[in-house]
C-alpha atoms as a PDB file:
ATOM      1  CA  MET A   1     -12.431  11.209  21.829  1.00  0.00           C
ATOM      2  CA  PRO A   2     -10.450   9.369  24.048  1.00  0.00           C
ATOM      3  CA  SER A   3      -7.729   7.336  22.305  1.00  0.00           C
ATOM      4  CA  THR A   4      -8.842   3.990  23.032  1.00  0.00           C
ATOM      5  CA  ASP A   5     -12.127   4.178  21.141  1.00  0.00           C
ATOM      6  CA  ALA A   6     -13.150   3.291  17.802  1.00  0.00           C
ATOM      7  CA  SER A   7     -15.466   5.566  16.814  1.00  0.00           C
ATOM      8  CA  ALA A   8     -17.044   6.535  13.638  1.00  0.00           C
ATOM      9  CA  GLN A   9     -14.037   7.702  12.547  1.00  0.00           C
ATOM     10  CA  THR A  10     -12.419   4.709  12.409  1.00  0.00           C
ATOM     11  CA  GLY A  11     -11.083   5.262   8.950  1.00  0.00           C
ATOM     12  CA  THR A  12     -11.608   1.162   7.914  1.00  0.00           C
ATOM     13  CA  GLY A  13     -14.278   1.943   5.181  1.00  0.00           C
ATOM     14  CA  PRO A  14     -13.477  -0.138   2.152  1.00  0.00           C
ATOM     15  CA  VAL A  15     -10.677   0.276  -0.374  1.00  0.00           C
ATOM     16  CA  PRO A  16     -12.177   1.689  -3.610  1.00  0.00           C
ATOM     17  CA  ARG A  17     -10.691   0.082  -6.611  1.00  0.00           C
ATOM     18  CA  THR A  18      -9.903   2.173  -9.501  1.00  0.00           C
ATOM     19  CA  ASP A  19     -10.256   1.525 -12.981  1.00  0.00           C
ATOM     20  CA  GLU A  20      -7.190  -0.748 -13.286  1.00  0.00           C
ATOM     21  CA  GLU A  21      -7.777  -2.514 -10.060  1.00  0.00           C
ATOM     22  CA  SER A  22     -11.548  -3.404 -11.177  1.00  0.00           C
ATOM     23  CA  GLU A  23     -10.072  -5.856 -13.838  1.00  0.00           C
ATOM     24  CA  ASP A  24      -8.105  -7.034 -11.531  1.00  0.00           C
ATOM     25  CA  THR A  25      -8.164 -11.676 -11.078  1.00  0.00           C
ATOM     26  CA  LEU A  26      -9.793 -10.470  -7.267  1.00  0.00           C
ATOM     27  CA  ASP A  27     -12.212  -9.227  -8.704  1.00  0.00           C
ATOM     28  CA  LEU A  28     -13.413 -11.776 -11.164  1.00  0.00           C
ATOM     29  CA  GLN A  29     -16.099 -14.259 -10.410  1.00  0.00           C
ATOM     30  CA  LEU A  30     -14.866 -17.318  -8.897  1.00  0.00           C
ATOM     31  CA  SER A  31     -15.597 -20.184 -10.854  1.00  0.00           C
ATOM     32  CA  GLU A  32     -16.958 -23.589  -8.306  1.00  0.00           C
ATOM     33  CA  ASP A  33     -14.248 -25.336  -8.797  1.00  0.00           C
ATOM     34  CA  LEU A  34     -11.884 -22.433  -7.184  1.00  0.00           C
ATOM     35  CA  LEU A  35     -14.765 -22.058  -4.901  1.00  0.00           C
ATOM     36  CA  SER A  36     -14.270 -25.914  -3.389  1.00  0.00           C
ATOM     37  CA  LEU A  37     -10.739 -25.251  -3.214  1.00  0.00           C
ATOM     38  CA  LEU A  38     -10.903 -22.305  -1.332  1.00  0.00           C
ATOM     39  CA  ARG A  39     -13.519 -23.773   1.009  1.00  0.00           C
ATOM     40  CA  ALA A  40     -11.741 -27.115   1.244  1.00  0.00           C
ATOM     41  CA  GLY A  41      -8.402 -24.764   1.817  1.00  0.00           C
ATOM     42  CA  ASP A  42      -6.552 -26.913  -0.647  1.00  0.00           C
ATOM     43  CA  LEU A  43      -4.768 -24.247  -2.192  1.00  0.00           C
ATOM     44  CA  ALA A  44      -1.005 -23.826  -1.818  1.00  0.00           C
ATOM     45  CA  HIS A  45       0.290 -22.511   1.216  1.00  0.00           C
ATOM     46  CA  ALA A  46      -2.862 -23.514   2.389  1.00  0.00           C
ATOM     47  CA  PRO A  47      -1.810 -26.729   4.986  1.00  0.00           C
ATOM     48  CA  TRP A  48      -4.932 -26.170   6.867  1.00  0.00           C
ATOM     49  CA  PRO A  49      -7.861 -29.325   6.565  1.00  0.00           C
ATOM     50  CA  ALA A  50     -11.588 -28.394   5.551  1.00  0.00           C
ATOM     51  CA  THR A  51     -13.645 -27.633   8.094  1.00  0.00           C
ATOM     52  CA  PRO A  52     -16.492 -30.210   8.331  1.00  0.00           C
ATOM     53  CA  GLY A  53     -19.901 -28.785   7.892  1.00  0.00           C
ATOM     54  CA  SER A  54     -18.586 -25.977   5.942  1.00  0.00           C
ATOM     55  CA  ALA A  55     -21.460 -24.496   4.486  1.00  0.00           C
ATOM     56  CA  ALA A  56     -21.116 -24.917   0.073  1.00  0.00           C
ATOM     57  CA  GLY A  57     -20.387 -21.432  -1.136  1.00  0.00           C
ATOM     58  CA  ASP A  58     -19.206 -20.073   2.072  1.00  0.00           C
ATOM     59  CA  LEU A  59     -16.266 -18.551   1.828  1.00  0.00           C
ATOM     60  CA  LEU A  60     -16.774 -16.752   5.516  1.00  0.00           C
ATOM     61  CA  ASP A  61     -18.281 -19.514   7.192  1.00  0.00           C
ATOM     62  CA  SER A  62     -21.267 -17.848   7.430  1.00  0.00           C
ATOM     63  CA  PRO A  63     -21.223 -15.064  10.096  1.00  0.00           C
ATOM     64  CA  GLY A  64     -25.231 -14.902  10.394  1.00  0.00           C
ATOM     65  CA  ALA A  65     -25.050 -17.689  12.162  1.00  0.00           C
ATOM     66  CA  TRP A  66     -22.012 -16.963  14.713  1.00  0.00           C
ATOM     67  CA  ARG A  67     -23.549 -16.978  18.306  1.00  0.00           C
ATOM     68  CA  PRO A  68     -23.750 -13.461  20.289  1.00  0.00           C
ATOM     69  CA  VAL A  69     -21.190 -13.179  23.344  1.00  0.00           C
ATOM     70  CA  ALA A  70     -21.171 -11.857  25.946  1.00  0.00           C
ATOM     71  CA  THR A  71     -18.488  -8.469  26.160  1.00  0.00           C
ATOM     72  CA  PRO A  72     -18.052  -5.779  29.150  1.00  0.00           C
ATOM     73  CA  ALA A  73     -20.269  -3.697  26.977  1.00  0.00           C
ATOM     74  CA  GLY A  74     -23.080  -5.982  26.961  1.00  0.00           C
ATOM     75  CA  VAL A  75     -24.477  -9.275  24.365  1.00  0.00           C
ATOM     76  CA  PHE A  76     -23.464  -8.467  21.067  1.00  0.00           C
ATOM     77  CA  GLN A  77     -24.123 -10.350  17.976  1.00  0.00           C
ATOM     78  CA  LEU A  78     -23.759  -9.699  14.132  1.00  0.00           C
ATOM     79  CA  VAL A  79     -26.532  -9.716  12.230  1.00  0.00           C
ATOM     80  CA  PRO A  80     -26.286  -9.792   7.919  1.00  0.00           C
ATOM     81  CA  VAL A  81     -28.000  -6.702   6.831  1.00  0.00           C
ATOM     82  CA  ASP A  82     -30.990  -6.504   5.203  1.00  0.00           C
ATOM     83  CA  ILE A  83     -31.171  -3.886   2.994  1.00  0.00           C
ATOM     84  CA  GLU A  84     -35.025  -3.461   2.836  1.00  0.00           C
ATOM     85  CA  ARG A  85     -35.066  -3.576   7.202  1.00  0.00           C
ATOM     86  CA  ASP A  86     -31.795  -1.697   7.371  1.00  0.00           C
ATOM     87  CA  LEU A  87     -31.068   0.494   4.392  1.00  0.00           C
ATOM     88  CA  SER A  88     -32.535   3.896   6.311  1.00  0.00           C
ATOM     89  CA  LEU A  89     -30.335   3.240   9.619  1.00  0.00           C
ATOM     90  CA  LEU A  90     -27.717   2.911   7.700  1.00  0.00           C
ATOM     91  CA  SER A  91     -27.861   6.174   5.228  1.00  0.00           C
ATOM     92  CA  HIS A  92     -28.794   7.807   8.412  1.00  0.00           C
ATOM     93  CA  TRP A  93     -24.805   6.866   9.666  1.00  0.00           C
ATOM     94  CA  MET A  94     -23.353   7.393   6.904  1.00  0.00           C
ATOM     95  CA  ASN A  95     -24.171  10.788   6.560  1.00  0.00           C
ATOM     96  CA  ASP A  96     -23.112  11.299   9.873  1.00  0.00           C
ATOM     97  CA  PRO A  97     -19.990  13.878   9.207  1.00  0.00           C
ATOM     98  CA  ALA A  98     -17.481  11.887  10.987  1.00  0.00           C
ATOM     99  CA  VAL A  99     -18.501   8.786   9.507  1.00  0.00           C
ATOM    100  CA  ALA A 100     -18.769  10.606   6.193  1.00  0.00           C
ATOM    101  CA  ALA A 101     -14.438  12.136   6.172  1.00  0.00           C
ATOM    102  CA  PHE A 102     -13.658   8.522   6.011  1.00  0.00           C
ATOM    103  CA  TRP A 103     -16.617   6.190   4.081  1.00  0.00           C
ATOM    104  CA  GLU A 104     -17.336   9.046   1.603  1.00  0.00           C
ATOM    105  CA  LEU A 105     -20.964   7.428   1.090  1.00  0.00           C
ATOM    106  CA  SER A 106     -22.826  10.441   2.557  1.00  0.00           C
ATOM    107  CA  GLY A 107     -25.691  11.126   0.782  1.00  0.00           C
ATOM    108  CA  PRO A 108     -29.315   9.799  -0.638  1.00  0.00           C
ATOM    109  CA  GLU A 109     -30.371   6.272   0.242  1.00  0.00           C
ATOM    110  CA  SER A 110     -29.497   4.782  -3.301  1.00  0.00           C
ATOM    111  CA  VAL A 111     -25.754   5.807  -2.393  1.00  0.00           C
ATOM    112  CA  THR A 112     -26.003   3.387   0.404  1.00  0.00           C
ATOM    113  CA  ARG A 113     -27.920   0.855  -1.581  1.00  0.00           C
ATOM    114  CA  ALA A 114     -25.427   0.771  -4.287  1.00  0.00           C
ATOM    115  CA  HIS A 115     -22.592   0.240  -1.328  1.00  0.00           C
ATOM    116  CA  LEU A 116     -24.634  -3.087  -0.178  1.00  0.00           C
ATOM    117  CA  ARG A 117     -26.296  -4.447  -3.308  1.00  0.00           C
ATOM    118  CA  PRO A 118     -22.764  -5.646  -4.763  1.00  0.00           C
ATOM    119  CA  GLN A 119     -22.128  -7.287  -1.375  1.00  0.00           C
ATOM    120  CA  LEU A 120     -25.322  -8.696  -0.413  1.00  0.00           C
ATOM    121  CA  ASP A 121     -25.458 -10.186  -4.541  1.00  0.00           C
ATOM    122  CA  GLY A 122     -21.953 -11.303  -4.444  1.00  0.00           C
ATOM    123  CA  ASP A 123     -20.332 -14.480  -4.278  1.00  0.00           C
ATOM    124  CA  GLY A 124     -20.323 -14.146  -0.398  1.00  0.00           C
ATOM    125  CA  ARG A 125     -16.512 -13.009   0.396  1.00  0.00           C
ATOM    126  CA  SER A 126     -17.566  -9.808   2.089  1.00  0.00           C
ATOM    127  CA  VAL A 127     -20.331  -9.760   4.193  1.00  0.00           C
ATOM    128  CA  PRO A 128     -22.256  -6.448   5.868  1.00  0.00           C
ATOM    129  CA  CYS A 129     -23.811  -6.847   8.982  1.00  0.00           C
ATOM    130  CA  LEU A 130     -25.320  -4.672  11.761  1.00  0.00           C
ATOM    131  CA  GLY A 131     -23.789  -5.314  15.435  1.00  0.00           C
ATOM    132  CA  VAL A 132     -26.634  -5.742  17.876  1.00  0.00           C
ATOM    133  CA  LEU A 133     -25.136  -4.453  21.246  1.00  0.00           C
ATOM    134  CA  GLN A 134     -27.819  -5.117  24.517  1.00  0.00           C
ATOM    135  CA  GLY A 135     -30.528  -5.656  21.401  1.00  0.00           C
ATOM    136  CA  THR A 136     -30.043  -2.004  20.163  1.00  0.00           C
ATOM    137  CA  PRO A 137     -28.202  -1.604  16.235  1.00  0.00           C
ATOM    138  CA  MET A 138     -25.215   0.519  17.295  1.00  0.00           C
ATOM    139  CA  SER A 139     -22.377  -0.640  14.716  1.00  0.00           C
ATOM    140  CA  TYR A 140     -21.864  -1.642  11.271  1.00  0.00           C
ATOM    141  CA  TRP A 141     -19.411  -4.695  10.040  1.00  0.00           C
ATOM    142  CA  GLU A 142     -18.205  -5.680   7.120  1.00  0.00           C
ATOM    143  CA  VAL A 143     -16.343  -9.062   7.500  1.00  0.00           C
ATOM    144  CA  TYR A 144     -14.539 -10.063   4.452  1.00  0.00           C
ATOM    145  CA  ARG A 145     -12.104 -12.639   2.790  1.00  0.00           C
ATOM    146  CA  ALA A 146      -9.028  -9.663   2.737  1.00  0.00           C
ATOM    147  CA  ASP A 147      -7.124 -12.441   0.443  1.00  0.00           C
ATOM    148  CA  LEU A 148      -9.597 -11.970  -1.952  1.00  0.00           C
ATOM    149  CA  ASP A 149      -9.886  -8.324  -1.973  1.00  0.00           C
ATOM    150  CA  PRO A 150      -7.810  -5.356  -3.895  1.00  0.00           C
ATOM    151  CA  LEU A 151      -6.199  -4.872  -0.582  1.00  0.00           C
ATOM    152  CA  ALA A 152      -4.491  -8.336  -1.153  1.00  0.00           C
ATOM    153  CA  ARG A 153      -2.549  -6.267  -3.879  1.00  0.00           C
ATOM    154  CA  HIS A 154      -0.844  -3.844  -1.438  1.00  0.00           C
ATOM    155  CA  TYR A 155       0.662  -6.482   1.362  1.00  0.00           C
ATOM    156  CA  PRO A 156       1.683 -10.275   1.802  1.00  0.00           C
ATOM    157  CA  ALA A 157      -1.761 -11.737   2.255  1.00  0.00           C
ATOM    158  CA  HIS A 158      -2.158 -15.019   3.907  1.00  0.00           C
ATOM    159  CA  PRO A 159      -4.887 -17.537   2.601  1.00  0.00           C
ATOM    160  CA  HIS A 160      -7.978 -16.676   4.463  1.00  0.00           C
ATOM    161  CA  ASP A 161      -6.987 -13.771   6.006  1.00  0.00           C
ATOM    162  CA  THR A 162     -10.230 -12.045   6.868  1.00  0.00           C
ATOM    163  CA  GLY A 163     -10.634  -7.874   7.208  1.00  0.00           C
ATOM    164  CA  LEU A 164     -12.822  -5.896   9.157  1.00  0.00           C
ATOM    165  CA  HIS A 165     -14.435  -2.793   8.540  1.00  0.00           C
ATOM    166  CA  LEU A 166     -16.523  -0.894  10.999  1.00  0.00           C
ATOM    167  CA  LEU A 167     -18.284   2.380  11.888  1.00  0.00           C
ATOM    168  CA  ILE A 168     -20.112   2.955  15.089  1.00  0.00           C
ATOM    169  CA  GLY A 169     -23.338   4.698  14.434  1.00  0.00           C
ATOM    170  CA  GLY A 170     -24.438   6.199  17.968  1.00  0.00           C
ATOM    171  CA  VAL A 171     -22.976   9.032  18.995  1.00  0.00           C
ATOM    172  CA  ALA A 172     -23.881   8.147  22.400  1.00  0.00           C
ATOM    173  CA  ASP A 173     -21.330   4.890  21.723  1.00  0.00           C
ATOM    174  CA  ARG A 174     -18.450   6.855  20.995  1.00  0.00           C
ATOM    175  CA  GLY A 175     -15.781   7.914  23.217  1.00  0.00           C
ATOM    176  CA  ARG A 176     -16.225   5.289  25.907  1.00  0.00           C
ATOM    177  CA  GLY A 177     -14.224   2.350  24.619  1.00  0.00           C
ATOM    178  CA  THR A 178     -17.022   0.349  23.168  1.00  0.00           C
ATOM    179  CA  GLY A 179     -15.080   0.482  19.879  1.00  0.00           C
ATOM    180  CA  THR A 180     -12.116  -1.235  21.523  1.00  0.00           C
ATOM    181  CA  THR A 181     -14.565  -4.321  22.994  1.00  0.00           C
ATOM    182  CA  LEU A 182     -15.966  -4.531  20.071  1.00  0.00           C
ATOM    183  CA  LEU A 183     -13.036  -4.832  18.145  1.00  0.00           C
ATOM    184  CA  ARG A 184     -11.855  -7.715  19.921  1.00  0.00           C
ATOM    185  CA  ALA A 185     -15.128  -9.670  20.542  1.00  0.00           C
ATOM    186  CA  VAL A 186     -15.647  -9.207  16.725  1.00  0.00           C
ATOM    187  CA  SER A 187     -12.033 -10.373  16.305  1.00  0.00           C
ATOM    188  CA  ASP A 188     -12.484 -13.199  18.291  1.00  0.00           C
ATOM    189  CA  LEU A 189     -15.373 -14.044  16.635  1.00  0.00           C
ATOM    190  CA  VAL A 190     -13.354 -14.383  13.173  1.00  0.00           C
ATOM    191  CA  LEU A 191     -11.357 -16.678  15.062  1.00  0.00           C
ATOM    192  CA  ASP A 192     -13.110 -18.590  16.840  1.00  0.00           C
ATOM    193  CA  ASN A 193     -15.217 -19.298  13.855  1.00  0.00           C
ATOM    194  CA  ARG A 194     -12.768 -19.768  10.952  1.00  0.00           C
ATOM    195  CA  PRO A 195     -10.500 -22.329  11.136  1.00  0.00           C
ATOM    196  CA  HIS A 196      -8.745 -21.783   8.592  1.00  0.00           C
ATOM    197  CA  CYS A 197      -7.879 -18.349   9.268  1.00  0.00           C
ATOM    198  CA  THR A 198      -4.516 -17.370  11.153  1.00  0.00           C
ATOM    199  CA  ARG A 199      -5.123 -13.849  11.059  1.00  0.00           C
ATOM    200  CA  VAL A 200      -7.362 -10.876  11.484  1.00  0.00           C
ATOM    201  CA  VAL A 201      -6.904  -7.708   9.542  1.00  0.00           C
ATOM    202  CA  ALA A 202      -7.947  -3.879   9.232  1.00  0.00           C
ATOM    203  CA  GLU A 203      -6.340  -1.027   7.363  1.00  0.00           C
ATOM    204  CA  PRO A 204      -7.799   2.081   9.283  1.00  0.00           C
ATOM    205  CA  ASP A 205      -6.016   5.734   8.057  1.00  0.00           C
ATOM    206  CA  LEU A 206      -2.775   6.400   9.653  1.00  0.00           C
ATOM    207  CA  ARG A 207      -4.504   9.839  10.703  1.00  0.00           C
ATOM    208  CA  ASN A 208      -6.805   8.441  12.953  1.00  0.00           C
ATOM    209  CA  THR A 209      -4.812   7.782  15.719  1.00  0.00           C
ATOM    210  CA  PRO A 210      -7.634   6.810  18.032  1.00  0.00           C
ATOM    211  CA  SER A 211      -8.480   4.275  15.651  1.00  0.00           C
ATOM    212  CA  VAL A 212      -5.490   2.668  15.350  1.00  0.00           C
ATOM    213  CA  SER A 213      -5.159   2.876  19.005  1.00  0.00           C
ATOM    214  CA  ALA A 214      -8.757   0.843  19.359  1.00  0.00           C
ATOM    215  CA  PHE A 215      -6.776  -1.524  17.623  1.00  0.00           C
ATOM    216  CA  LEU A 216      -3.874  -2.034  19.494  1.00  0.00           C
ATOM    217  CA  GLY A 217      -5.968  -1.955  22.683  1.00  0.00           C
ATOM    218  CA  ALA A 218      -8.209  -4.726  20.847  1.00  0.00           C
ATOM    219  CA  GLY A 219      -4.802  -7.168  20.910  1.00  0.00           C
ATOM    220  CA  PHE A 220      -3.722  -5.972  16.689  1.00  0.00           C
ATOM    221  CA  ARG A 221      -0.766  -5.232  16.180  1.00  0.00           C
ATOM    222  CA  TYR A 222       1.004  -2.558  14.303  1.00  0.00           C
ATOM    223  CA  SER A 223       2.172  -4.716  11.015  1.00  0.00           C
ATOM    224  CA  ALA A 224       3.486  -1.954   8.249  1.00  0.00           C
ATOM    225  CA  GLU A 225       2.366   1.289   6.331  1.00  0.00           C
ATOM    226  CA  VAL A 226       0.468   0.474   3.148  1.00  0.00           C
ATOM    227  CA  ASP A 227      -0.256   3.064   0.274  1.00  0.00           C
ATOM    228  CA  LEU A 228      -4.182   2.541  -0.624  1.00  0.00           C
ATOM    229  CA  PRO A 229      -5.846   4.142  -3.481  1.00  0.00           C
ATOM    230  CA  ASP A 230      -7.470   6.788  -1.298  1.00  0.00           C
ATOM    231  CA  LYS A 231      -5.410   6.581   2.053  1.00  0.00           C
ATOM    232  CA  ARG A 232      -1.948   5.983   3.385  1.00  0.00           C
ATOM    233  CA  ALA A 233      -3.454   2.986   5.972  1.00  0.00           C
ATOM    234  CA  ALA A 234      -2.096   1.500   9.022  1.00  0.00           C
ATOM    235  CA  LEU A 235      -2.309  -2.455   8.550  1.00  0.00           C
ATOM    236  CA  MET A 236      -3.321  -4.192  11.378  1.00  0.00           C
ATOM    237  CA  VAL A 237      -2.679  -7.386  12.110  1.00  0.00           C
ATOM    238  CA  ARG A 238      -4.578  -9.910  14.951  1.00  0.00           C
ATOM    239  CA  ASP A 239      -2.670 -13.101  14.976  1.00  0.00           C
ATOM    240  CA  ARG A 240      -4.161 -16.282  15.862  1.00  0.00           C
ATOM    241  CA  ALA A 241      -0.827 -17.742  17.887  1.00  0.00           C
ATOM    242  CA  PHE A 242      -0.765 -14.510  20.000  1.00  0.00           C
ATOM    243  CA  ARG A 243      -4.399 -14.117  20.868  1.00  0.00           C
ATOM    244  CA  ASP A 244      -4.128 -14.867  23.827  1.00  0.00           C
ATOM    245  CA  LEU A 245      -0.769 -12.753  24.728  1.00  0.00           C
ATOM    246  CA  MET A 246      -2.470  -9.454  23.251  1.00  0.00           C
END
């Protein structure tokens, strides 16, 4: 696999929560008052103005409404997961050995369903999406509020930091640089549609050099090594301030 491709072996699956972490305030139900503050950007250290027209209760500025974008690989769009429509496909991808090695969600469809359901029924801090390229679903993405995720316990998070988890589902789409292209496209979508967000972050497994190389090729910088519950990860960061320089 060329080192510039973010394949299914990206190692960017979600950070498993330990029993201790499940009791952390990051995992508590957010009150409506706190949700309002987060939407308005009024928390301490968040000097950005409120976003006109932000959807009430939406912590990620409606990824499902983000417009398709033209990329060198074709027209790409994020489409929020419909569990009944998409479960079979996603479970199939999760049972690919290359994917299962990092996502650890192989098994019957109930395993994938159990992973998706808390996100779909939650407060919107994580939105699972299909990546649709030229009209064909070919990747899976989780766009999430990294500052509200257990990941924030492991690095100096900024308000509105937005994280990405991804896998490339189709074998034919791996090893061609498609992952790098889409990483840049999706991080651009985040920065274009989330004006409060100053950084897009990810945490691929440090051993997965093709994934780390793909992030570097997509304009991310290597920030630090972080010890997560299931892996030693490379913290990759794409800064709004430097997006046109990298």
